């Protein structure tokens, strides 16, 4: 069974393309340790089944999936999102 991680922040790019707006994600482990990981690493982990990720919205879990743009670029978004990764974009920026 893959590890399941709650995302609490994102690292944004300056680009407006739906498939290039997020550079990475972050969260906090149950032991209080903060973590951050690049979008490319998240995509690889989801595709291999190593880890899964989710966001909490109104008390429910929204799984994060890998989408593919019409140009063939892979990106992250919530299962209920249309084109843009709105579920993730609502999160605050990860502190540097």
PDB file of N, CA and C in Angstrom:
ATOM      1  N   UNK A   1       0.844  -1.180   0.000  1.00  0.00           N
ATOM      2  CA  UNK A   1       0.000   0.000   0.000  1.00  0.00           C
ATOM      3  C   UNK A   1       0.888   1.241   0.000  1.00  0.00           C
ATOM      4  N   UNK A   2       0.604   2.189  -0.912  1.00  0.00           N
ATOM      5  CA  UNK A   2       1.443   3.388  -0.979  1.00  0.00           C
ATOM      6  C   UNK A   2       1.214   4.308   0.210  1.00  0.00           C
ATOM      7  N   UNK A   3       2.252   5.103   0.519  1.00  0.00           N
ATOM      8  CA  UNK A   3       2.094   6.131   1.533  1.00  0.00           C
ATOM      9  C   UNK A   3       1.115   7.173   1.036  1.00  0.00           C
ATOM     10  N   UNK A   4       0.313   7.707   1.942  1.00  0.00           N
ATOM     11  CA  UNK A   4      -0.698   8.700   1.581  1.00  0.00           C
ATOM     12  C   UNK A   4      -0.388   9.989   2.323  1.00  0.00           C
ATOM     13  N   UNK A   5      -0.263  11.102   1.583  1.00  0.00           N
ATOM     14  CA  UNK A   5       0.201  12.344   2.167  1.00  0.00           C
ATOM     15  C   UNK A   5      -0.759  13.497   1.900  1.00  0.00           C
ATOM     16  N   UNK A   6      -1.011  14.273   2.959  1.00  0.00           N
ATOM     17  CA  UNK A   6      -1.843  15.466   2.872  1.00  0.00           C
ATOM     18  C   UNK A   6      -0.987  16.628   2.399  1.00  0.00           C
ATOM     19  N   UNK A   7      -1.429  17.314   1.364  1.00  0.00           N
ATOM     20  CA  UNK A   7      -0.744  18.489   0.839  1.00  0.00           C
ATOM     21  C   UNK A   7      -1.309  19.723   1.538  1.00  0.00           C
ATOM     22  N   UNK A   8      -0.424  20.554   2.073  1.00  0.00           N
ATOM     23  CA  UNK A   8      -0.897  21.756   2.771  1.00  0.00           C
ATOM     24  C   UNK A   8      -0.399  23.058   2.143  1.00  0.00           C
ATOM     25  N   UNK A   9       0.528  22.959   1.173  1.00  0.00           N
ATOM     26  CA  UNK A   9       1.025  24.156   0.503  1.00  0.00           C
ATOM     27  C   UNK A   9       1.587  23.782  -0.863  1.00  0.00           C
ATOM     28  N   UNK A  10       1.777  24.801  -1.701  1.00  0.00           N
ATOM     29  CA  UNK A  10       2.354  24.576  -3.025  1.00  0.00           C
ATOM     30  C   UNK A  10       3.448  25.603  -3.301  1.00  0.00           C
ATOM     31  N   UNK A  11       4.296  25.278  -4.248  1.00  0.00           N
ATOM     32  CA  UNK A  11       5.280  26.209  -4.787  1.00  0.00           C
ATOM     33  C   UNK A  11       4.810  26.533  -6.197  1.00  0.00           C
ATOM     34  N   UNK A  12       4.565  27.803  -6.452  1.00  0.00           N
ATOM     35  CA  UNK A  12       4.014  28.246  -7.733  1.00  0.00           C
ATOM     36  C   UNK A  12       5.116  28.716  -8.688  1.00  0.00           C
ATOM     37  N   UNK A  13       4.814  28.622  -9.967  1.00  0.00           N
ATOM     38  CA  UNK A  13       5.674  29.244 -10.969  1.00  0.00           C
ATOM     39  C   UNK A  13       5.025  30.571 -11.355  1.00  0.00           C
ATOM     40  N   UNK A  14       5.694  31.357 -12.158  1.00  0.00           N
ATOM     41  CA  UNK A  14       5.140  32.625 -12.637  1.00  0.00           C
ATOM     42  C   UNK A  14       4.325  32.431 -13.918  1.00  0.00           C
ATOM     43  N   UNK A  15       4.277  31.205 -14.413  1.00  0.00           N
ATOM     44  CA  UNK A  15       3.576  30.926 -15.665  1.00  0.00           C
ATOM     45  C   UNK A  15       2.080  30.795 -15.427  1.00  0.00           C
ATOM     46  N   UNK A  16       1.294  31.103 -16.423  1.00  0.00           N
ATOM     47  CA  UNK A  16      -0.159  31.011 -16.305  1.00  0.00           C
ATOM     48  C   UNK A  16      -0.736  29.768 -16.967  1.00  0.00           C
ATOM     49  N   UNK A  17       0.083  29.034 -17.714  1.00  0.00           N
ATOM     50  CA  UNK A  17      -0.386  27.805 -18.353  1.00  0.00           C
ATOM     51  C   UNK A  17      -0.879  26.839 -17.282  1.00  0.00           C
ATOM     52  N   UNK A  18      -2.023  26.196 -17.504  1.00  0.00           N
ATOM     53  CA  UNK A  18      -2.582  25.294 -16.505  1.00  0.00           C
ATOM     54  C   UNK A  18      -1.634  24.147 -16.151  1.00  0.00           C
ATOM     55  N   UNK A  19      -0.822  23.741 -17.088  1.00  0.00           N
ATOM     56  CA  UNK A  19       0.082  22.612 -16.868  1.00  0.00           C
ATOM     57  C   UNK A  19       1.465  23.029 -16.370  1.00  0.00           C
ATOM     58  N   UNK A  20       1.653  24.306 -16.108  1.00  0.00           N
ATOM     59  CA  UNK A  20       2.975  24.772 -15.659  1.00  0.00           C
ATOM     60  C   UNK A  20       2.893  25.724 -14.466  1.00  0.00           C
ATOM     61  N   UNK A  21       1.760  25.751 -13.802  1.00  0.00           N
ATOM     62  CA  UNK A  21       1.561  26.719 -12.717  1.00  0.00           C
ATOM     63  C   UNK A  21       2.144  26.258 -11.393  1.00  0.00           C
ATOM     64  N   UNK A  22       2.334  24.966 -11.228  1.00  0.00           N
ATOM     65  CA  UNK A  22       2.806  24.437  -9.952  1.00  0.00           C
ATOM     66  C   UNK A  22       4.182  23.812 -10.136  1.00  0.00           C
ATOM     67  N   UNK A  23       5.106  24.185  -9.258  1.00  0.00           N
ATOM     68  CA  UNK A  23       6.461  23.625  -9.302  1.00  0.00           C
ATOM     69  C   UNK A  23       6.642  22.507  -8.292  1.00  0.00           C
ATOM     70  N   UNK A  24       5.904  22.573  -7.204  1.00  0.00           N
ATOM     71  CA  UNK A  24       6.059  21.556  -6.166  1.00  0.00           C
ATOM     72  C   UNK A  24       4.959  21.663  -5.127  1.00  0.00           C
ATOM     73  N   UNK A  25       4.981  20.724  -4.189  1.00  0.00           N
ATOM     74  CA  UNK A  25       3.993  20.691  -3.122  1.00  0.00           C
ATOM     75  C   UNK A  25       4.705  20.459  -1.793  1.00  0.00           C
ATOM     76  N   UNK A  26       3.974  20.658  -0.713  1.00  0.00           N
ATOM     77  CA  UNK A  26       4.549  20.427   0.608  1.00  0.00           C
ATOM     78  C   UNK A  26       3.477  20.051   1.604  1.00  0.00           C
ATOM     79  N   UNK A  27       3.936  19.593   2.760  1.00  0.00           N
ATOM     80  CA  UNK A  27       3.019  19.206   3.819  1.00  0.00           C
ATOM     81  C   UNK A  27       3.763  18.975   5.118  1.00  0.00           C
ATOM     82  N   UNK A  28       3.058  18.387   6.066  1.00  0.00           N
ATOM     83  CA  UNK A  28       3.629  18.099   7.375  1.00  0.00           C
ATOM     84  C   UNK A  28       3.319  16.643   7.720  1.00  0.00           C
ATOM     85  N   UNK A  29       4.329  15.903   8.095  1.00  0.00           N
ATOM     86  CA  UNK A  29       4.146  14.513   8.525  1.00  0.00           C
ATOM     87  C   UNK A  29       3.488  14.472   9.901  1.00  0.00           C
ATOM     88  N   UNK A  30       2.924  13.324  10.295  1.00  0.00           N
ATOM     89  CA  UNK A  30       2.323  13.202  11.626  1.00  0.00           C
ATOM     90  C   UNK A  30       3.287  13.543  12.770  1.00  0.00           C
ATOM     91  N   UNK A  31       4.594  13.363  12.538  1.00  0.00           N
ATOM     92  CA  UNK A  31       5.573  13.680  13.584  1.00  0.00           C
ATOM     93  C   UNK A  31       5.959  15.160  13.612  1.00  0.00           C
ATOM     94  N   UNK A  32       5.328  15.975  12.745  1.00  0.00           N
ATOM     95  CA  UNK A  32       5.588  17.409  12.718  1.00  0.00           C
ATOM     96  C   UNK A  32       6.670  17.844  11.750  1.00  0.00           C
ATOM     97  N   UNK A  33       7.323  16.901  11.096  1.00  0.00           N
ATOM     98  CA  UNK A  33       8.373  17.238  10.130  1.00  0.00           C
ATOM     99  C   UNK A  33       7.754  17.772   8.840  1.00  0.00           C
ATOM    100  N   UNK A  34       8.254  18.924   8.385  1.00  0.00           N
ATOM    101  CA  UNK A  34       7.777  19.516   7.136  1.00  0.00           C
ATOM    102  C   UNK A  34       8.485  18.852   5.960  1.00  0.00           C
ATOM    103  N   UNK A  35       7.791  18.696   4.851  1.00  0.00           N
ATOM    104  CA  UNK A  35       8.382  18.122   3.649  1.00  0.00           C
ATOM    105  C   UNK A  35       7.949  18.940   2.433  1.00  0.00           C
ATOM    106  N   UNK A  36       8.786  18.901   1.416  1.00  0.00           N
ATOM    107  CA  UNK A  36       8.504  19.496   0.112  1.00  0.00           C
ATOM    108  C   UNK A  36       9.041  18.571  -0.961  1.00  0.00           C
ATOM    109  N   UNK A  37       8.352  18.543  -2.086  1.00  0.00           N
ATOM    110  CA  UNK A  37       8.764  17.669  -3.181  1.00  0.00           C
ATOM    111  C   UNK A  37       8.382  18.351  -4.503  1.00  0.00           C
ATOM    112  N   UNK A  38       9.187  18.156  -5.522  1.00  0.00           N
ATOM    113  CA  UNK A  38       8.927  18.795  -6.815  1.00  0.00           C
ATOM    114  C   UNK A  38       7.749  18.126  -7.519  1.00  0.00           C
ATOM    115  N   UNK A  39       7.146  18.866  -8.418  1.00  0.00           N
ATOM    116  CA  UNK A  39       6.026  18.310  -9.180  1.00  0.00           C
ATOM    117  C   UNK A  39       6.451  17.064  -9.957  1.00  0.00           C
ATOM    118  N   UNK A  40       7.637  17.080 -10.543  1.00  0.00           N
ATOM    119  CA  UNK A  40       8.115  15.917 -11.303  1.00  0.00           C
ATOM    120  C   UNK A  40       8.224  14.677 -10.409  1.00  0.00           C
ATOM    121  N   UNK A  41       8.715  14.868  -9.183  1.00  0.00           N
ATOM    122  CA  UNK A  41       8.830  13.740  -8.250  1.00  0.00           C
ATOM    123  C   UNK A  41       7.455  13.226  -7.829  1.00  0.00           C
ATOM    124  N   UNK A  42       6.507  14.136  -7.644  1.00  0.00           N
ATOM    125  CA  UNK A  42       5.147  13.742  -7.276  1.00  0.00           C
ATOM    126  C   UNK A  42       4.517  12.934  -8.396  1.00  0.00           C
ATOM    127  N   UNK A  43       4.643  13.411  -9.617  1.00  0.00           N
ATOM    128  CA  UNK A  43       4.077  12.706 -10.766  1.00  0.00           C
ATOM    129  C   UNK A  43       4.658  11.301 -10.864  1.00  0.00           C
ATOM    130  N   UNK A  44       5.970  11.180 -10.746  1.00  0.00           N
ATOM    131  CA  UNK A  44       6.613   9.854 -10.812  1.00  0.00           C
ATOM    132  C   UNK A  44       6.114   8.940  -9.692  1.00  0.00           C
ATOM    133  N   UNK A  45       5.979   9.479  -8.478  1.00  0.00           N
ATOM    134  CA  UNK A  45       5.530   8.673  -7.334  1.00  0.00           C
ATOM    135  C   UNK A  45       4.094   8.204  -7.510  1.00  0.00           C
ATOM    136  N   UNK A  46       3.227   9.068  -8.033  1.00  0.00           N
ATOM    137  CA  UNK A  46       1.834   8.677  -8.268  1.00  0.00           C
ATOM    138  C   UNK A  46       1.761   7.615  -9.359  1.00  0.00           C
ATOM    139  N   UNK A  47       2.486   7.832 -10.443  1.00  0.00           N
ATOM    140  CA  UNK A  47       2.417   6.897 -11.574  1.00  0.00           C
ATOM    141  C   UNK A  47       2.965   5.516 -11.232  1.00  0.00           C
ATOM    142  N   UNK A  48       3.944   5.446 -10.344  1.00  0.00           N
ATOM    143  CA  UNK A  48       4.497   4.137  -9.968  1.00  0.00           C
ATOM    144  C   UNK A  48       3.743   3.509  -8.798  1.00  0.00           C
ATOM    145  N   UNK A  49       2.819   4.261  -8.188  1.00  0.00           N
ATOM    146  CA  UNK A  49       2.068   3.745  -7.051  1.00  0.00           C
ATOM    147  C   UNK A  49       2.829   3.811  -5.742  1.00  0.00           C
ATOM    148  N   UNK A  50       3.938   4.523  -5.735  1.00  0.00           N
ATOM    149  CA  UNK A  50       4.765   4.614  -4.526  1.00  0.00           C
ATOM    150  C   UNK A  50       4.082   5.446  -3.442  1.00  0.00           C
ATOM    151  N   UNK A  51       3.516   6.599  -3.831  1.00  0.00           N
ATOM    152  CA  UNK A  51       2.831   7.479  -2.897  1.00  0.00           C
ATOM    153  C   UNK A  51       1.534   7.949  -3.525  1.00  0.00           C
ATOM    154  N   UNK A  52       0.610   8.378  -2.680  1.00  0.00           N
ATOM    155  CA  UNK A  52      -0.579   9.083  -3.151  1.00  0.00           C
ATOM    156  C   UNK A  52      -0.696  10.366  -2.339  1.00  0.00           C
ATOM    157  N   UNK A  53      -1.389  11.338  -2.900  1.00  0.00           N
ATOM    158  CA  UNK A  53      -1.499  12.652  -2.282  1.00  0.00           C
ATOM    159  C   UNK A  53      -2.944  13.107  -2.319  1.00  0.00           C
ATOM    160  N   UNK A  54      -3.298  13.934  -1.352  1.00  0.00           N
ATOM    161  CA  UNK A  54      -4.650  14.465  -1.313  1.00  0.00           C
ATOM    162  C   UNK A  54      -4.648  15.843  -0.658  1.00  0.00           C
ATOM    163  N   UNK A  55      -5.759  16.543  -0.843  1.00  0.00           N
ATOM    164  CA  UNK A  55      -5.997  17.845  -0.243  1.00  0.00           C
ATOM    165  C   UNK A  55      -7.316  17.727   0.506  1.00  0.00           C
ATOM    166  N   UNK A  56      -7.427  18.388   1.642  1.00  0.00           N
ATOM    167  CA  UNK A  56      -8.703  18.411   2.357  1.00  0.00           C
ATOM    168  C   UNK A  56      -9.484  19.657   1.946  1.00  0.00           C
ATOM    169  N   UNK A  57     -10.720  19.435   1.512  1.00  0.00           N
ATOM    170  CA  UNK A  57     -11.609  20.523   1.116  1.00  0.00           C
ATOM    171  C   UNK A  57     -12.934  20.305   1.832  1.00  0.00           C
ATOM    172  N   UNK A  58     -13.316  21.237   2.671  1.00  0.00           N
ATOM    173  CA  UNK A  58     -14.576  21.165   3.424  1.00  0.00           C
ATOM    174  C   UNK A  58     -14.712  19.837   4.168  1.00  0.00           C
ATOM    175  N   UNK A  59     -13.609  19.383   4.755  1.00  0.00           N
ATOM    176  CA  UNK A  59     -13.629  18.176   5.561  1.00  0.00           C
ATOM    177  C   UNK A  59     -13.587  16.864   4.804  1.00  0.00           C
ATOM    178  N   UNK A  60     -13.418  16.918   3.507  1.00  0.00           N
ATOM    179  CA  UNK A  60     -13.316  15.661   2.743  1.00  0.00           C
ATOM    180  C   UNK A  60     -11.999  15.609   1.967  1.00  0.00           C
ATOM    181  N   UNK A  61     -11.566  14.400   1.696  1.00  0.00           N
ATOM    182  CA  UNK A  61     -10.314  14.205   0.966  1.00  0.00           C
ATOM    183  C   UNK A  61     -10.553  14.288  -0.535  1.00  0.00           C
ATOM    184  N   UNK A  62      -9.724  15.092  -1.198  1.00  0.00           N
ATOM    185  CA  UNK A  62      -9.759  15.194  -2.650  1.00  0.00           C
ATOM    186  C   UNK A  62      -8.433  14.629  -3.164  1.00  0.00           C
ATOM    187  N   UNK A  63      -8.453  13.460  -3.801  1.00  0.00           N
ATOM    188  CA  UNK A  63      -7.216  12.881  -4.327  1.00  0.00           C
ATOM    189  C   UNK A  63      -6.596  13.757  -5.417  1.00  0.00           C
ATOM    190  N   UNK A  64      -5.290  13.755  -5.461  1.00  0.00           N
ATOM    191  CA  UNK A  64      -4.544  14.468  -6.498  1.00  0.00           C
ATOM    192  C   UNK A  64      -4.163  13.461  -7.570  1.00  0.00           C
ATOM    193  N   UNK A  65      -4.409  13.826  -8.813  1.00  0.00           N
ATOM    194  CA  UNK A  65      -4.133  12.937  -9.932  1.00  0.00           C
ATOM    195  C   UNK A  65      -3.163  13.592 -10.910  1.00  0.00           C
ATOM    196  N   UNK A  66      -2.677  12.782 -11.827  1.00  0.00           N
ATOM    197  CA  UNK A  66      -1.808  13.268 -12.895  1.00  0.00           C
ATOM    198  C   UNK A  66      -2.673  13.468 -14.134  1.00  0.00           C
ATOM    199  N   UNK A  67      -2.625  14.666 -14.675  1.00  0.00           N
ATOM    200  CA  UNK A  67      -3.346  14.979 -15.914  1.00  0.00           C
ATOM    201  C   UNK A  67      -2.320  15.230 -17.010  1.00  0.00           C
ATOM    202  N   UNK A  68      -2.778  15.190 -18.247  1.00  0.00           N
ATOM    203  CA  UNK A  68      -1.900  15.445 -19.387  1.00  0.00           C
ATOM    204  C   UNK A  68      -2.541  16.542 -20.233  1.00  0.00           C
ATOM    205  N   UNK A  69      -1.774  17.596 -20.489  1.00  0.00           N
ATOM    206  CA  UNK A  69      -2.280  18.698 -21.314  1.00  0.00           C
ATOM    207  C   UNK A  69      -2.356  18.253 -22.772  1.00  0.00           C
ATOM    208  N   UNK A  70      -3.008  19.051 -23.572  1.00  0.00           N
ATOM    209  CA  UNK A  70      -3.113  18.707 -24.996  1.00  0.00           C
ATOM    210  C   UNK A  70      -1.760  18.728 -25.691  1.00  0.00           C
ATOM    211  N   UNK A  71      -0.752  19.326 -25.023  1.00  0.00           N
ATOM    212  CA  UNK A  71       0.609  19.360 -25.571  1.00  0.00           C
ATOM    213  C   UNK A  71       1.455  18.206 -25.046  1.00  0.00           C
ATOM    214  N   UNK A  72       0.861  17.341 -24.235  1.00  0.00           N
ATOM    215  CA  UNK A  72       1.568  16.180 -23.721  1.00  0.00           C
ATOM    216  C   UNK A  72       2.308  16.408 -22.418  1.00  0.00           C
ATOM    217  N   UNK A  73       2.132  17.583 -21.785  1.00  0.00           N
ATOM    218  CA  UNK A  73       2.793  17.866 -20.513  1.00  0.00           C
ATOM    219  C   UNK A  73       1.970  17.317 -19.357  1.00  0.00           C
ATOM    220  N   UNK A  74       2.622  16.595 -18.474  1.00  0.00           N
ATOM    221  CA  UNK A  74       1.951  16.062 -17.299  1.00  0.00           C
ATOM    222  C   UNK A  74       1.938  17.119 -16.202  1.00  0.00           C
ATOM    223  N   UNK A  75       0.831  17.162 -15.447  1.00  0.00           N
ATOM    224  CA  UNK A  75       0.716  18.107 -14.341  1.00  0.00           C
ATOM    225  C   UNK A  75      -0.236  17.533 -13.297  1.00  0.00           C
ATOM    226  N   UNK A  76      -0.276  18.177 -12.133  1.00  0.00           N
ATOM    227  CA  UNK A  76      -1.095  17.717 -11.022  1.00  0.00           C
ATOM    228  C   UNK A  76      -2.384  18.518 -10.927  1.00  0.00           C
ATOM    229  N   UNK A  77      -3.465  17.827 -10.539  1.00  0.00           N
ATOM    230  CA  UNK A  77      -4.717  18.518 -10.268  1.00  0.00           C
ATOM    231  C   UNK A  77      -5.588  17.635  -9.396  1.00  0.00           C
ATOM    232  N   UNK A  78      -6.595  18.245  -8.775  1.00  0.00           N
ATOM    233  CA  UNK A  78      -7.549  17.490  -7.970  1.00  0.00           C
ATOM    234  C   UNK A  78      -8.504  16.722  -8.859  1.00  0.00           C
ATOM    235  N   UNK A  79      -9.064  15.635  -8.345  1.00  0.00           N
ATOM    236  CA  UNK A  79      -9.939  14.800  -9.171  1.00  0.00           C
ATOM    237  C   UNK A  79     -11.162  15.543  -9.691  1.00  0.00           C
ATOM    238  N   UNK A  80     -11.634  16.554  -8.994  1.00  0.00           N
ATOM    239  CA  UNK A  80     -12.808  17.300  -9.442  1.00  0.00           C
ATOM    240  C   UNK A  80     -12.505  18.515 -10.286  1.00  0.00           C
ATOM    241  N   UNK A  81     -11.240  18.816 -10.491  1.00  0.00           N
ATOM    242  CA  UNK A  81     -10.852  19.994 -11.265  1.00  0.00           C
ATOM    243  C   UNK A  81     -11.101  19.766 -12.751  1.00  0.00           C
ATOM    244  N   UNK A  82     -11.454  20.854 -13.442  1.00  0.00           N
ATOM    245  CA  UNK A  82     -11.617  20.774 -14.893  1.00  0.00           C
ATOM    246  C   UNK A  82     -10.230  20.832 -15.532  1.00  0.00           C
ATOM    247  N   UNK A  83      -9.890  21.944 -16.146  1.00  0.00           N
ATOM    248  CA  UNK A  83      -8.600  22.080 -16.818  1.00  0.00           C
ATOM    249  C   UNK A  83      -7.507  22.545 -15.867  1.00  0.00           C
ATOM    250  N   UNK A  84      -7.777  23.608 -15.115  1.00  0.00           N
ATOM    251  CA  UNK A  84      -6.780  24.176 -14.209  1.00  0.00           C
ATOM    252  C   UNK A  84      -6.761  23.429 -12.877  1.00  0.00           C
ATOM    253  N   UNK A  85      -5.597  23.388 -12.234  1.00  0.00           N
ATOM    254  CA  UNK A  85      -5.477  22.690 -10.940  1.00  0.00           C
ATOM    255  C   UNK A  85      -5.979  23.553  -9.789  1.00  0.00           C
ATOM    256  N   UNK A  86      -7.250  23.949  -9.848  1.00  0.00           N
ATOM    257  CA  UNK A  86      -7.801  24.897  -8.877  1.00  0.00           C
ATOM    258  C   UNK A  86      -7.726  24.413  -7.436  1.00  0.00           C
ATOM    259  N   UNK A  87      -7.915  23.127  -7.211  1.00  0.00           N
ATOM    260  CA  UNK A  87      -7.848  22.601  -5.847  1.00  0.00           C
ATOM    261  C   UNK A  87      -6.486  22.890  -5.228  1.00  0.00           C
ATOM    262  N   UNK A  88      -5.433  22.682  -5.975  1.00  0.00           N
ATOM    263  CA  UNK A  88      -4.081  22.954  -5.478  1.00  0.00           C
ATOM    264  C   UNK A  88      -3.792  24.452  -5.427  1.00  0.00           C
ATOM    265  N   UNK A  89      -4.282  25.205  -6.398  1.00  0.00           N
ATOM    266  CA  UNK A  89      -3.997  26.641  -6.448  1.00  0.00           C
ATOM    267  C   UNK A  89      -4.646  27.407  -5.302  1.00  0.00           C
ATOM    268  N   UNK A  90      -5.631  26.832  -4.651  1.00  0.00           N
ATOM    269  CA  UNK A  90      -6.251  27.478  -3.486  1.00  0.00           C
ATOM    270  C   UNK A  90      -5.382  27.382  -2.233  1.00  0.00           C
ATOM    271  N   UNK A  91      -4.387  26.510  -2.253  1.00  0.00           N
ATOM    272  CA  UNK A  91      -3.516  26.337  -1.087  1.00  0.00           C
ATOM    273  C   UNK A  91      -2.531  27.496  -0.968  1.00  0.00           C
ATOM    274  N   UNK A  92      -2.049  27.741   0.248  1.00  0.00           N
ATOM    275  CA  UNK A  92      -1.041  28.805   0.414  1.00  0.00           C
ATOM    276  C   UNK A  92       0.313  28.379  -0.149  1.00  0.00           C
ATOM    277  N   UNK A  93       1.164  29.378  -0.344  1.00  0.00           N
ATOM    278  CA  UNK A  93       2.532  29.102  -0.791  1.00  0.00           C
ATOM    279  C   UNK A  93       3.327  28.448   0.327  1.00  0.00           C
ATOM    280  N   UNK A  94       4.181  27.512  -0.041  1.00  0.00           N
ATOM    281  CA  UNK A  94       5.099  26.909   0.931  1.00  0.00           C
ATOM    282  C   UNK A  94       6.123  27.962   1.337  1.00  0.00           C
ATOM    283  N   UNK A  95       6.418  28.031   2.606  1.00  0.00           N
ATOM    284  CA  UNK A  95       7.447  28.967   3.075  1.00  0.00           C
ATOM    285  C   UNK A  95       8.801  28.517   2.599  1.00  0.00           C
ATOM    286  N   UNK A  96       9.612  29.445   2.280  1.00  0.00           N
ATOM    287  CA  UNK A  96      10.957  29.112   1.782  1.00  0.00           C
ATOM    288  C   UNK A  96      11.907  28.902   2.908  1.00  0.00           C
TER     289      UNK A  96
END
